[in-house]
PDB file of N, CA and C in Angstrom:
ATOM      1  N   MET A   1      41.768  -7.399   7.089  1.00  0.00           N
ATOM      2  CA  MET A   1      41.700  -9.035   7.148  1.00  0.00           C
ATOM      3  C   MET A   1      41.000  -9.561   8.723  1.00  0.00           C
ATOM      4  N   GLY A   2      41.935  -8.607   9.574  1.00  0.00           N
ATOM      5  CA  GLY A   2      41.649  -8.977  10.917  1.00  0.00           C
ATOM      6  C   GLY A   2      40.306  -8.584  11.397  1.00  0.00           C
ATOM      7  N   GLU A   3      39.748  -7.259  11.080  1.00  0.00           N
ATOM      8  CA  GLU A   3      38.586  -6.972  11.116  1.00  0.00           C
ATOM      9  C   GLU A   3      37.340  -7.689  10.599  1.00  0.00           C
ATOM     10  N   PHE A   4      37.672  -8.248   9.353  1.00  0.00           N
ATOM     11  CA  PHE A   4      36.531  -9.214   8.861  1.00  0.00           C
ATOM     12  C   PHE A   4      36.443 -10.499   9.250  1.00  0.00           C
ATOM     13  N   PHE A   5      37.630 -11.011   9.920  1.00  0.00           N
ATOM     14  CA  PHE A   5      37.514 -12.323  10.532  1.00  0.00           C
ATOM     15  C   PHE A   5      36.660 -12.148  12.221  1.00  0.00           C
ATOM     16  N   LEU A   6      37.082 -10.903  12.556  1.00  0.00           N
ATOM     17  CA  LEU A   6      36.638 -10.777  13.926  1.00  0.00           C
ATOM     18  C   LEU A   6      34.822 -10.719  13.787  1.00  0.00           C
ATOM     19  N   ARG A   7      34.524  -9.668  12.742  1.00  0.00           N
ATOM     20  CA  ARG A   7      33.007  -9.628  12.645  1.00  0.00           C
ATOM     21  C   ARG A   7      32.434 -11.064  12.309  1.00  0.00           C
ATOM     22  N   PHE A   8      33.267 -11.756  11.421  1.00  0.00           N
ATOM     23  CA  PHE A   8      32.582 -13.110  10.907  1.00  0.00           C
ATOM     24  C   PHE A   8      32.560 -13.700  12.417  1.00  0.00           C
ATOM     25  N   LEU A   9      33.437 -13.843  13.243  1.00  0.00           N
ATOM     26  CA  LEU A   9      33.539 -14.746  14.427  1.00  0.00           C
ATOM     27  C   LEU A   9      32.427 -14.107  15.431  1.00  0.00           C
ATOM     28  N   ILE A  10      32.204 -13.007  15.537  1.00  0.00           N
ATOM     29  CA  ILE A  10      31.295 -12.144  16.613  1.00  0.00           C
ATOM     30  C   ILE A  10      29.842 -12.494  15.762  1.00  0.00           C
ATOM     31  N   GLY A  11      29.874 -12.253  14.847  1.00  0.00           N
ATOM     32  CA  GLY A  11      28.338 -12.678  14.144  1.00  0.00           C
ATOM     33  C   GLY A  11      27.840 -14.152  14.349  1.00  0.00           C
ATOM     34  N   GLY A  12      28.769 -14.886  13.869  1.00  0.00           N
ATOM     35  CA  GLY A  12      28.466 -16.335  14.208  1.00  0.00           C
ATOM     36  C   GLY A  12      28.231 -16.539  15.515  1.00  0.00           C
ATOM     37  N   LEU A  13      28.983 -16.177  16.522  1.00  0.00           N
ATOM     38  CA  LEU A  13      28.647 -16.533  17.784  1.00  0.00           C
ATOM     39  C   LEU A  13      27.305 -15.884  18.321  1.00  0.00           C
ATOM     40  N   VAL A  14      26.972 -14.677  17.920  1.00  0.00           N
ATOM     41  CA  VAL A  14      25.813 -14.095  18.565  1.00  0.00           C
ATOM     42  C   VAL A  14      24.517 -14.715  17.770  1.00  0.00           C
ATOM     43  N   VAL A  15      24.564 -14.842  16.718  1.00  0.00           N
ATOM     44  CA  VAL A  15      23.503 -15.817  15.804  1.00  0.00           C
ATOM     45  C   VAL A  15      23.317 -17.218  16.307  1.00  0.00           C
ATOM     46  N   SER A  16      24.481 -17.686  16.679  1.00  0.00           N
ATOM     47  CA  SER A  16      24.314 -19.286  17.561  1.00  0.00           C
ATOM     48  C   SER A  16      23.772 -19.226  18.630  1.00  0.00           C
ATOM     49  N   PHE A  17      24.327 -18.146  19.517  1.00  0.00           N
ATOM     50  CA  PHE A  17      23.898 -18.085  20.887  1.00  0.00           C
ATOM     51  C   PHE A  17      22.237 -17.823  21.017  1.00  0.00           C
ATOM     52  N   PHE A  18      21.891 -16.945  20.009  1.00  0.00           N
ATOM     53  CA  PHE A  18      20.504 -16.615  19.971  1.00  0.00           C
ATOM     54  C   PHE A  18      19.571 -17.719  19.629  1.00  0.00           C
ATOM     55  N   ALA A  19      20.035 -18.650  18.488  1.00  0.00           N
ATOM     56  CA  ALA A  19      19.624 -19.508  17.757  1.00  0.00           C
ATOM     57  C   ALA A  19      19.451 -20.677  19.147  1.00  0.00           C
ATOM     58  N   VAL A  20      20.161 -20.992  20.031  1.00  0.00           N
ATOM     59  CA  VAL A  20      20.316 -21.971  21.081  1.00  0.00           C
ATOM     60  C   VAL A  20      19.270 -21.227  22.078  1.00  0.00           C
ATOM     61  N   LEU A  21      19.133 -20.053  22.399  1.00  0.00           N
ATOM     62  CA  LEU A  21      18.477 -19.335  23.362  1.00  0.00           C
ATOM     63  C   LEU A  21      16.945 -19.789  23.045  1.00  0.00           C
ATOM     64  N   GLY A  22      16.679 -19.298  21.682  1.00  0.00           N
ATOM     65  CA  GLY A  22      15.472 -19.614  21.065  1.00  0.00           C
ATOM     66  C   GLY A  22      14.654 -21.004  20.949  1.00  0.00           C
ATOM     67  N   ASP A  23      15.924 -21.860  21.042  1.00  0.00           N
ATOM     68  CA  ASP A  23      15.361 -23.433  21.143  1.00  0.00           C
ATOM     69  C   ASP A  23      15.288 -23.846  22.514  1.00  0.00           C
ATOM     70  N   VAL A  24      15.877 -23.249  23.428  1.00  0.00           N
ATOM     71  CA  VAL A  24      15.462 -23.519  24.825  1.00  0.00           C
ATOM     72  C   VAL A  24      14.407 -22.873  25.509  1.00  0.00           C
ATOM     73  N   LEU A  25      13.952 -21.871  25.001  1.00  0.00           N
ATOM     74  CA  LEU A  25      12.740 -20.914  25.717  1.00  0.00           C
ATOM     75  C   LEU A  25      11.317 -21.482  25.188  1.00  0.00           C
ATOM     76  N   LYS A  26      10.422 -21.432  25.893  1.00  0.00           N
ATOM     77  CA  LYS A  26       9.210 -21.693  25.766  1.00  0.00           C
ATOM     78  C   LYS A  26       8.389 -20.422  25.406  1.00  0.00           C
ATOM     79  N   PRO A  27       7.553 -20.459  24.419  1.00  0.00           N
ATOM     80  CA  PRO A  27       6.728 -21.272  23.506  1.00  0.00           C
ATOM     81  C   PRO A  27       8.052 -20.942  22.357  1.00  0.00           C
ATOM     82  N   LYS A  28       7.929 -22.098  21.408  1.00  0.00           N
ATOM     83  CA  LYS A  28       8.803 -22.120  20.638  1.00  0.00           C
ATOM     84  C   LYS A  28       8.649 -21.209  19.384  1.00  0.00           C
ATOM     85  N   SER A  29       7.863 -20.418  19.534  1.00  0.00           N
ATOM     86  CA  SER A  29       7.594 -19.196  18.489  1.00  0.00           C
ATOM     87  C   SER A  29       8.863 -18.298  18.716  1.00  0.00           C
ATOM     88  N   PHE A  30       9.540 -18.325  20.019  1.00  0.00           N
ATOM     89  CA  PHE A  30      10.740 -17.695  19.922  1.00  0.00           C
ATOM     90  C   PHE A  30      12.036 -17.709  19.190  1.00  0.00           C
ATOM     91  N   ALA A  31      11.703 -19.126  18.806  1.00  0.00           N
ATOM     92  CA  ALA A  31      12.963 -19.410  17.995  1.00  0.00           C
ATOM     93  C   ALA A  31      13.214 -18.677  17.030  1.00  0.00           C
ATOM     94  N   GLY A  32      12.139 -18.295  16.260  1.00  0.00           N
ATOM     95  CA  GLY A  32      12.552 -17.456  14.801  1.00  0.00           C
ATOM     96  C   GLY A  32      12.780 -15.763  15.360  1.00  0.00           C
ATOM     97  N   LEU A  33      12.347 -15.611  16.465  1.00  0.00           N
ATOM     98  CA  LEU A  33      12.623 -14.075  16.967  1.00  0.00           C
ATOM     99  C   LEU A  33      14.128 -13.962  17.205  1.00  0.00           C
ATOM    100  N   PHE A  34      14.769 -14.830  18.057  1.00  0.00           N
ATOM    101  CA  PHE A  34      15.982 -15.185  18.493  1.00  0.00           C
ATOM    102  C   PHE A  34      17.040 -15.426  17.466  1.00  0.00           C
ATOM    103  N   GLY A  35      16.321 -16.266  16.619  1.00  0.00           N
ATOM    104  CA  GLY A  35      17.318 -16.848  15.590  1.00  0.00           C
ATOM    105  C   GLY A  35      17.790 -15.785  14.224  1.00  0.00           C
ATOM    106  N   ALA A  36      17.165 -14.746  14.433  1.00  0.00           N
ATOM    107  CA  ALA A  36      16.872 -13.880  13.137  1.00  0.00           C
ATOM    108  C   ALA A  36      18.363 -13.360  12.824  1.00  0.00           C
ATOM    109  N   ALA A  37      18.878 -13.662  11.838  1.00  0.00           N
ATOM    110  CA  ALA A  37      20.241 -12.900  11.587  1.00  0.00           C
ATOM    111  C   ALA A  37      19.973 -11.732  11.007  1.00  0.00           C
ATOM    112  N   PRO A  38      18.873 -11.300  10.409  1.00  0.00           N
ATOM    113  CA  PRO A  38      18.770  -9.905   9.757  1.00  0.00           C
ATOM    114  C   PRO A  38      19.276  -9.035  11.099  1.00  0.00           C
ATOM    115  N   SER A  39      18.689  -9.028  12.154  1.00  0.00           N
ATOM    116  CA  SER A  39      19.245  -8.066  13.319  1.00  0.00           C
ATOM    117  C   SER A  39      20.665  -7.721  13.324  1.00  0.00           C
ATOM    118  N   ILE A  40      21.407  -8.923  13.198  1.00  0.00           N
ATOM    119  CA  ILE A  40      22.898  -8.776  13.060  1.00  0.00           C
ATOM    120  C   ILE A  40      23.344  -7.866  11.947  1.00  0.00           C
ATOM    121  N   GLY A  41      22.764  -8.393  10.619  1.00  0.00           N
ATOM    122  CA  GLY A  41      23.159  -7.420   9.484  1.00  0.00           C
ATOM    123  C   GLY A  41      22.601  -6.080   9.936  1.00  0.00           C
ATOM    124  N   LEU A  42      21.470  -5.847  10.278  1.00  0.00           N
ATOM    125  CA  LEU A  42      21.405  -4.445  10.451  1.00  0.00           C
ATOM    126  C   LEU A  42      22.230  -3.737  11.396  1.00  0.00           C
ATOM    127  N   ALA A  43      22.420  -4.361  12.407  1.00  0.00           N
ATOM    128  CA  ALA A  43      23.503  -3.669  13.384  1.00  0.00           C
ATOM    129  C   ALA A  43      24.831  -3.547  12.533  1.00  0.00           C
ATOM    130  N   THR A  44      25.285  -4.543  12.019  1.00  0.00           N
ATOM    131  CA  THR A  44      26.310  -4.381  11.149  1.00  0.00           C
ATOM    132  C   THR A  44      26.407  -3.202   9.957  1.00  0.00           C
ATOM    133  N   LEU A  45      25.262  -2.976   9.563  1.00  0.00           N
ATOM    134  CA  LEU A  45      25.264  -1.917   8.431  1.00  0.00           C
ATOM    135  C   LEU A  45      25.390  -0.314   9.385  1.00  0.00           C
ATOM    136  N   ALA A  46      24.631  -0.511  10.424  1.00  0.00           N
ATOM    137  CA  ALA A  46      24.487   0.770  11.280  1.00  0.00           C
ATOM    138  C   ALA A  46      26.176   0.974  11.582  1.00  0.00           C
ATOM    139  N   LEU A  47      26.852  -0.026  12.186  1.00  0.00           N
ATOM    140  CA  LEU A  47      28.262   0.209  12.353  1.00  0.00           C
ATOM    141  C   LEU A  47      28.961   0.850  11.407  1.00  0.00           C
ATOM    142  N   THR A  48      28.852  -0.003  10.162  1.00  0.00           N
ATOM    143  CA  THR A  48      29.396   0.085   9.119  1.00  0.00           C
ATOM    144  C   THR A  48      29.297   1.720   8.517  1.00  0.00           C
ATOM    145  N   ILE A  49      28.068   2.247   8.693  1.00  0.00           N
ATOM    146  CA  ILE A  49      27.486   3.767   8.529  1.00  0.00           C
ATOM    147  C   ILE A  49      28.345   4.764   9.071  1.00  0.00           C
ATOM    148  N   SER A  50      28.432   4.337  10.455  1.00  0.00           N
ATOM    149  CA  SER A  50      28.917   5.231  11.248  1.00  0.00           C
ATOM    150  C   SER A  50      30.782   5.413  11.330  1.00  0.00           C
ATOM    151  N   SER A  51      31.163   4.134  10.823  1.00  0.00           N
ATOM    152  CA  SER A  51      32.640   4.145  10.793  1.00  0.00           C
ATOM    153  C   SER A  51      33.158   4.306   9.279  1.00  0.00           C
ATOM    154  N   GLU A  52      32.470   4.113   8.189  1.00  0.00           N
ATOM    155  CA  GLU A  52      32.968   3.897   6.620  1.00  0.00           C
ATOM    156  C   GLU A  52      32.318   4.776   5.859  1.00  0.00           C
ATOM    157  N   GLY A  53      31.058   5.221   6.421  1.00  0.00           N
ATOM    158  CA  GLY A  53      30.164   6.261   5.246  1.00  0.00           C
ATOM    159  C   GLY A  53      29.107   5.167   4.740  1.00  0.00           C
ATOM    160  N   ARG A  54      28.273   6.072   4.125  1.00  0.00           N
ATOM    161  CA  ARG A  54      26.886   5.413   3.392  1.00  0.00           C
ATOM    162  C   ARG A  54      27.463   4.689   2.258  1.00  0.00           C
ATOM    163  N   VAL A  55      28.117   5.126   1.529  1.00  0.00           N
ATOM    164  CA  VAL A  55      28.575   4.532  -0.018  1.00  0.00           C
ATOM    165  C   VAL A  55      29.216   3.136   0.626  1.00  0.00           C
ATOM    166  N   TYR A  56      29.984   3.081   1.209  1.00  0.00           N
ATOM    167  CA  TYR A  56      30.522   1.675   1.783  1.00  0.00           C
ATOM    168  C   TYR A  56      29.510   0.709   2.219  1.00  0.00           C
ATOM    169  N   ALA A  57      28.695   1.248   3.034  1.00  0.00           N
ATOM    170  CA  ALA A  57      27.405   0.448   3.769  1.00  0.00           C
ATOM    171  C   ALA A  57      26.596   0.089   2.517  1.00  0.00           C
ATOM    172  N   SER A  58      26.297   0.878   1.680  1.00  0.00           N
ATOM    173  CA  SER A  58      25.567   0.205   0.237  1.00  0.00           C
ATOM    174  C   SER A  58      26.004  -0.953  -0.043  1.00  0.00           C
ATOM    175  N   LYS A  59      27.463  -0.753  -0.135  1.00  0.00           N
ATOM    176  CA  LYS A  59      27.996  -2.062  -0.936  1.00  0.00           C
ATOM    177  C   LYS A  59      27.869  -3.205  -0.139  1.00  0.00           C
ATOM    178  N   GLU A  60      28.083  -2.904   1.222  1.00  0.00           N
ATOM    179  CA  GLU A  60      27.919  -4.326   2.040  1.00  0.00           C
ATOM    180  C   GLU A  60      26.210  -4.542   2.024  1.00  0.00           C
ATOM    181  N   ALA A  61      25.560  -3.694   1.933  1.00  0.00           N
ATOM    182  CA  ALA A  61      23.989  -3.931   1.671  1.00  0.00           C
ATOM    183  C   ALA A  61      23.685  -4.850   0.730  1.00  0.00           C
ATOM    184  N   ARG A  62      24.730  -4.552  -0.352  1.00  0.00           N
ATOM    185  CA  ARG A  62      24.305  -5.161  -1.780  1.00  0.00           C
ATOM    186  C   ARG A  62      24.893  -6.624  -1.516  1.00  0.00           C
ATOM    187  N   SER A  63      26.006  -6.833  -0.820  1.00  0.00           N
ATOM    188  CA  SER A  63      26.790  -8.075  -0.557  1.00  0.00           C
ATOM    189  C   SER A  63      25.802  -8.878   0.260  1.00  0.00           C
ATOM    190  N   MET A  64      25.179  -8.252   1.246  1.00  0.00           N
ATOM    191  CA  MET A  64      24.049  -8.909   2.112  1.00  0.00           C
ATOM    192  C   MET A  64      22.821  -9.602   1.339  1.00  0.00           C
ATOM    193  N   MET A  65      22.611  -8.655   0.590  1.00  0.00           N
ATOM    194  CA  MET A  65      21.356  -9.156  -0.410  1.00  0.00           C
ATOM    195  C   MET A  65      21.740 -10.487  -1.428  1.00  0.00           C
ATOM    196  N   ALA A  66      22.941 -10.508  -1.837  1.00  0.00           N
ATOM    197  CA  ALA A  66      23.464 -11.528  -2.719  1.00  0.00           C
ATOM    198  C   ALA A  66      23.500 -12.901  -1.570  1.00  0.00           C
ATOM    199  N   GLY A  67      24.253 -12.799  -0.701  1.00  0.00           N
ATOM    200  CA  GLY A  67      24.223 -13.925   0.519  1.00  0.00           C
ATOM    201  C   GLY A  67      22.860 -14.305   0.741  1.00  0.00           C
ATOM    202  N   ALA A  68      22.129 -13.662   0.965  1.00  0.00           N
ATOM    203  CA  ALA A  68      20.632 -14.146   1.247  1.00  0.00           C
ATOM    204  C   ALA A  68      20.011 -14.739   0.092  1.00  0.00           C
ATOM    205  N   THR A  69      20.287 -14.380  -1.137  1.00  0.00           N
ATOM    206  CA  THR A  69      19.811 -14.926  -2.080  1.00  0.00           C
ATOM    207  C   THR A  69      20.457 -16.233  -2.445  1.00  0.00           C
ATOM    208  N   ALA A  70      21.556 -16.532  -2.117  1.00  0.00           N
ATOM    209  CA  ALA A  70      22.214 -17.587  -2.396  1.00  0.00           C
ATOM    210  C   ALA A  70      21.856 -18.828  -1.127  1.00  0.00           C
ATOM    211  N   PHE A  71      21.599 -18.084   0.109  1.00  0.00           N
ATOM    212  CA  PHE A  71      20.996 -18.730   1.182  1.00  0.00           C
ATOM    213  C   PHE A  71      19.728 -19.272   1.032  1.00  0.00           C
ATOM    214  N   LEU A  72      18.806 -18.496   0.206  1.00  0.00           N
ATOM    215  CA  LEU A  72      17.364 -19.005  -0.209  1.00  0.00           C
ATOM    216  C   LEU A  72      17.592 -20.187  -1.189  1.00  0.00           C
ATOM    217  N   LEU A  73      18.459 -20.191  -2.170  1.00  0.00           N
ATOM    218  CA  LEU A  73      18.648 -21.222  -2.826  1.00  0.00           C
ATOM    219  C   LEU A  73      18.957 -22.666  -2.101  1.00  0.00           C
ATOM    220  N   TYR A  74      20.123 -22.355  -1.225  1.00  0.00           N
ATOM    221  CA  TYR A  74      20.367 -23.368  -0.416  1.00  0.00           C
ATOM    222  C   TYR A  74      19.200 -24.043   0.410  1.00  0.00           C
ATOM    223  N   ALA A  75      18.720 -23.250   1.244  1.00  0.00           N
ATOM    224  CA  ALA A  75      17.389 -23.810   1.916  1.00  0.00           C
ATOM    225  C   ALA A  75      16.357 -24.394   1.134  1.00  0.00           C
ATOM    226  N   CYS A  76      16.156 -23.872  -0.227  1.00  0.00           N
ATOM    227  CA  CYS A  76      14.807 -24.585  -0.821  1.00  0.00           C
ATOM    228  C   CYS A  76      15.412 -25.658  -1.495  1.00  0.00           C
ATOM    229  N   LEU A  77      16.643 -25.728  -1.865  1.00  0.00           N
ATOM    230  CA  LEU A  77      17.205 -27.106  -2.376  1.00  0.00           C
ATOM    231  C   LEU A  77      17.466 -28.191  -1.432  1.00  0.00           C
ATOM    232  N   GLY A  78      17.769 -27.769  -0.326  1.00  0.00           N
ATOM    233  CA  GLY A  78      18.108 -28.710   1.105  1.00  0.00           C
ATOM    234  C   GLY A  78      16.711 -29.313   1.303  1.00  0.00           C
ATOM    235  N   SER A  79      15.761 -28.344   1.624  1.00  0.00           N
ATOM    236  CA  SER A  79      14.593 -28.978   1.991  1.00  0.00           C
ATOM    237  C   SER A  79      13.793 -29.694   0.779  1.00  0.00           C
ATOM    238  N   ARG A  80      13.907 -29.723  -0.380  1.00  0.00           N
ATOM    239  CA  ARG A  80      13.486 -30.243  -1.426  1.00  0.00           C
ATOM    240  C   ARG A  80      14.194 -31.758  -1.704  1.00  0.00           C
ATOM    241  N   LEU A  81      15.375 -31.740  -1.607  1.00  0.00           N
ATOM    242  CA  LEU A  81      16.238 -33.025  -1.451  1.00  0.00           C
ATOM    243  C   LEU A  81      15.888 -34.094  -0.304  1.00  0.00           C
ATOM    244  N   MET A  82      15.509 -33.514   0.883  1.00  0.00           N
ATOM    245  CA  MET A  82      15.166 -34.139   1.898  1.00  0.00           C
ATOM    246  C   MET A  82      13.711 -34.727   1.676  1.00  0.00           C
ATOM    247  N   MET A  83      12.606 -33.898   1.787  1.00  0.00           N
ATOM    248  CA  MET A  83      11.313 -34.197   1.688  1.00  0.00           C
ATOM    249  C   MET A  83      10.905 -34.540   0.614  1.00  0.00           C
ATOM    250  N   GLN A  84      11.271 -34.475  -0.717  1.00  0.00           N
ATOM    251  CA  GLN A  84      11.051 -35.139  -1.941  1.00  0.00           C
ATOM    252  C   GLN A  84      11.858 -36.392  -2.269  1.00  0.00           C
ATOM    253  N   LEU A  85      12.888 -36.206  -2.276  1.00  0.00           N
ATOM    254  CA  LEU A  85      13.946 -37.313  -2.739  1.00  0.00           C
ATOM    255  C   LEU A  85      14.233 -37.931  -1.666  1.00  0.00           C
ATOM    256  N   LYS A  86      13.837 -37.740  -0.264  1.00  0.00           N
ATOM    257  CA  LYS A  86      14.131 -38.601   1.068  1.00  0.00           C
ATOM    258  C   LYS A  86      15.877 -38.825   1.193  1.00  0.00           C
ATOM    259  N   TRP A  87      16.425 -37.749   0.764  1.00  0.00           N
ATOM    260  CA  TRP A  87      18.049 -37.672   1.085  1.00  0.00           C
ATOM    261  C   TRP A  87      18.253 -37.645   2.551  1.00  0.00           C
ATOM    262  N   SER A  88      19.038 -37.808   3.057  1.00  0.00           N
ATOM    263  CA  SER A  88      19.694 -37.789   4.448  1.00  0.00           C
ATOM    264  C   SER A  88      20.109 -36.244   4.639  1.00  0.00           C
ATOM    265  N   ALA A  89      19.791 -35.746   6.043  1.00  0.00           N
ATOM    266  CA  ALA A  89      20.343 -34.450   6.205  1.00  0.00           C
ATOM    267  C   ALA A  89      21.538 -33.903   5.703  1.00  0.00           C
ATOM    268  N   ALA A  90      22.629 -34.820   5.990  1.00  0.00           N
ATOM    269  CA  ALA A  90      24.022 -34.372   5.769  1.00  0.00           C
ATOM    270  C   ALA A  90      24.413 -34.620   4.461  1.00  0.00           C
ATOM    271  N   ARG A  91      23.658 -35.358   3.523  1.00  0.00           N
ATOM    272  CA  ARG A  91      24.167 -35.159   2.147  1.00  0.00           C
ATOM    273  C   ARG A  91      23.472 -34.138   1.445  1.00  0.00           C
ATOM    274  N   ALA A  92      21.976 -33.907   2.014  1.00  0.00           N
ATOM    275  CA  ALA A  92      21.382 -32.808   1.175  1.00  0.00           C
ATOM    276  C   ALA A  92      22.072 -31.380   1.392  1.00  0.00           C
ATOM    277  N   ALA A  93      22.727 -31.393   2.739  1.00  0.00           N
ATOM    278  CA  ALA A  93      23.145 -30.163   3.164  1.00  0.00           C
ATOM    279  C   ALA A  93      24.601 -30.055   2.519  1.00  0.00           C
ATOM    280  N   ILE A  94      25.391 -30.971   2.307  1.00  0.00           N
ATOM    281  CA  ILE A  94      26.848 -30.677   1.560  1.00  0.00           C
ATOM    282  C   ILE A  94      26.506 -30.646  -0.052  1.00  0.00           C
ATOM    283  N   LEU A  95      25.419 -31.168  -0.483  1.00  0.00           N
ATOM    284  CA  LEU A  95      25.166 -30.708  -2.007  1.00  0.00           C
ATOM    285  C   LEU A  95      24.751 -29.267  -1.932  1.00  0.00           C
ATOM    286  N   SER A  96      23.910 -28.867  -1.132  1.00  0.00           N
ATOM    287  CA  SER A  96      23.177 -27.645  -0.881  1.00  0.00           C
ATOM    288  C   SER A  96      24.574 -26.509  -0.853  1.00  0.00           C
ATOM    289  N   LEU A  97      25.332 -27.013  -0.020  1.00  0.00           N
ATOM    290  CA  LEU A  97      26.608 -25.991   0.423  1.00  0.00           C
ATOM    291  C   LEU A  97      27.180 -25.785  -0.673  1.00  0.00           C
ATOM    292  N   VAL A  98      27.522 -26.651  -1.595  1.00  0.00           N
ATOM    293  CA  VAL A  98      28.056 -26.582  -2.989  1.00  0.00           C
ATOM    294  C   VAL A  98      27.436 -25.511  -3.763  1.00  0.00           C
ATOM    295  N   ILE A  99      26.062 -25.767  -4.036  1.00  0.00           N
ATOM    296  CA  ILE A  99      25.342 -24.720  -4.542  1.00  0.00           C
ATOM    297  C   ILE A  99      25.391 -23.630  -4.181  1.00  0.00           C
ATOM    298  N   TRP A 100      25.268 -23.435  -2.797  1.00  0.00           N
ATOM    299  CA  TRP A 100      25.588 -21.958  -2.164  1.00  0.00           C
ATOM    300  C   TRP A 100      26.812 -21.142  -2.613  1.00  0.00           C
ATOM    301  N   PHE A 101      27.819 -22.130  -2.335  1.00  0.00           N
ATOM    302  CA  PHE A 101      29.065 -21.333  -2.942  1.00  0.00           C
ATOM    303  C   PHE A 101      29.115 -20.872  -4.044  1.00  0.00           C
ATOM    304  N   ALA A 102      28.700 -21.907  -5.293  1.00  0.00           N
ATOM    305  CA  ALA A 102      28.812 -21.520  -6.473  1.00  0.00           C
ATOM    306  C   ALA A 102      27.895 -20.207  -6.663  1.00  0.00           C
ATOM    307  N   THR A 103      26.389 -20.191  -6.149  1.00  0.00           N
ATOM    308  CA  THR A 103      25.866 -19.093  -6.580  1.00  0.00           C
ATOM    309  C   THR A 103      26.419 -17.896  -5.691  1.00  0.00           C
ATOM    310  N   SER A 104      27.050 -17.944  -4.688  1.00  0.00           N
ATOM    311  CA  SER A 104      27.545 -16.502  -4.122  1.00  0.00           C
ATOM    312  C   SER A 104      28.600 -16.117  -4.852  1.00  0.00           C
ATOM    313  N   PHE A 105      29.545 -17.038  -5.269  1.00  0.00           N
ATOM    314  CA  PHE A 105      30.830 -16.610  -6.009  1.00  0.00           C
ATOM    315  C   PHE A 105      30.100 -16.028  -7.345  1.00  0.00           C
ATOM    316  N   SER A 106      29.266 -16.785  -8.241  1.00  0.00           N
ATOM    317  CA  SER A 106      28.710 -16.213  -9.285  1.00  0.00           C
ATOM    318  C   SER A 106      28.106 -14.820  -9.195  1.00  0.00           C
ATOM    319  N   LEU A 107      27.316 -14.675  -8.247  1.00  0.00           N
ATOM    320  CA  LEU A 107      26.724 -13.318  -8.184  1.00  0.00           C
ATOM    321  C   LEU A 107      27.675 -12.181  -7.828  1.00  0.00           C
ATOM    322  N   TRP A 108      29.098 -12.626  -6.839  1.00  0.00           N
ATOM    323  CA  TRP A 108      29.812 -11.521  -6.647  1.00  0.00           C
ATOM    324  C   TRP A 108      30.784 -11.283  -7.659  1.00  0.00           C
ATOM    325  N   PHE A 109      31.004 -12.175  -8.762  1.00  0.00           N
ATOM    326  CA  PHE A 109      31.592 -12.232  -9.909  1.00  0.00           C
ATOM    327  C   PHE A 109      30.612 -11.119 -10.694  1.00  0.00           C
ATOM    328  N   ALA A 110      29.477 -11.649 -10.892  1.00  0.00           N
ATOM    329  CA  ALA A 110      28.615 -10.881 -11.987  1.00  0.00           C
ATOM    330  C   ALA A 110      27.990  -9.335 -11.423  1.00  0.00           C
ATOM    331  N   LEU A 111      27.902  -9.295 -10.390  1.00  0.00           N
ATOM    332  CA  LEU A 111      27.358  -7.927  -9.868  1.00  0.00           C
ATOM    333  C   LEU A 111      28.140  -7.125  -9.029  1.00  0.00           C
ATOM    334  N   LEU A 112      29.022  -7.777  -8.104  1.00  0.00           N
ATOM    335  CA  LEU A 112      29.403  -6.997  -6.960  1.00  0.00           C
ATOM    336  C   LEU A 112      31.014  -6.551  -7.198  1.00  0.00           C
ATOM    337  N   ARG A 113      31.853  -7.355  -7.897  1.00  0.00           N
ATOM    338  CA  ARG A 113      33.153  -7.103  -8.047  1.00  0.00           C
ATOM    339  C   ARG A 113      33.448  -5.615  -8.772  1.00  0.00           C
TER     340      ARG A 113
END
């Protein structure tokens, strides 16, 4: 549990740091490059392969794909609520987050456990 929390904390800090760095740098096209969470995922998979083996890393990769699917739904729903229905960002994010959790846990229950 401690290693999981540490990975979560470090990953969140690294992604946040690079997102801020990308926002500060000019041109703004760097924002997408530095805010790219897939690089963190690939680094994590490489570490997992070296420490736990390929079978365990493949399970981790499936979990990442399920999380990415849930996030895609979150992003699509959030943008639709804000752009088409004129919801505030906070309201759209909160509802989308509920949908993200439901999707994540549903995918875990159906495919990953």
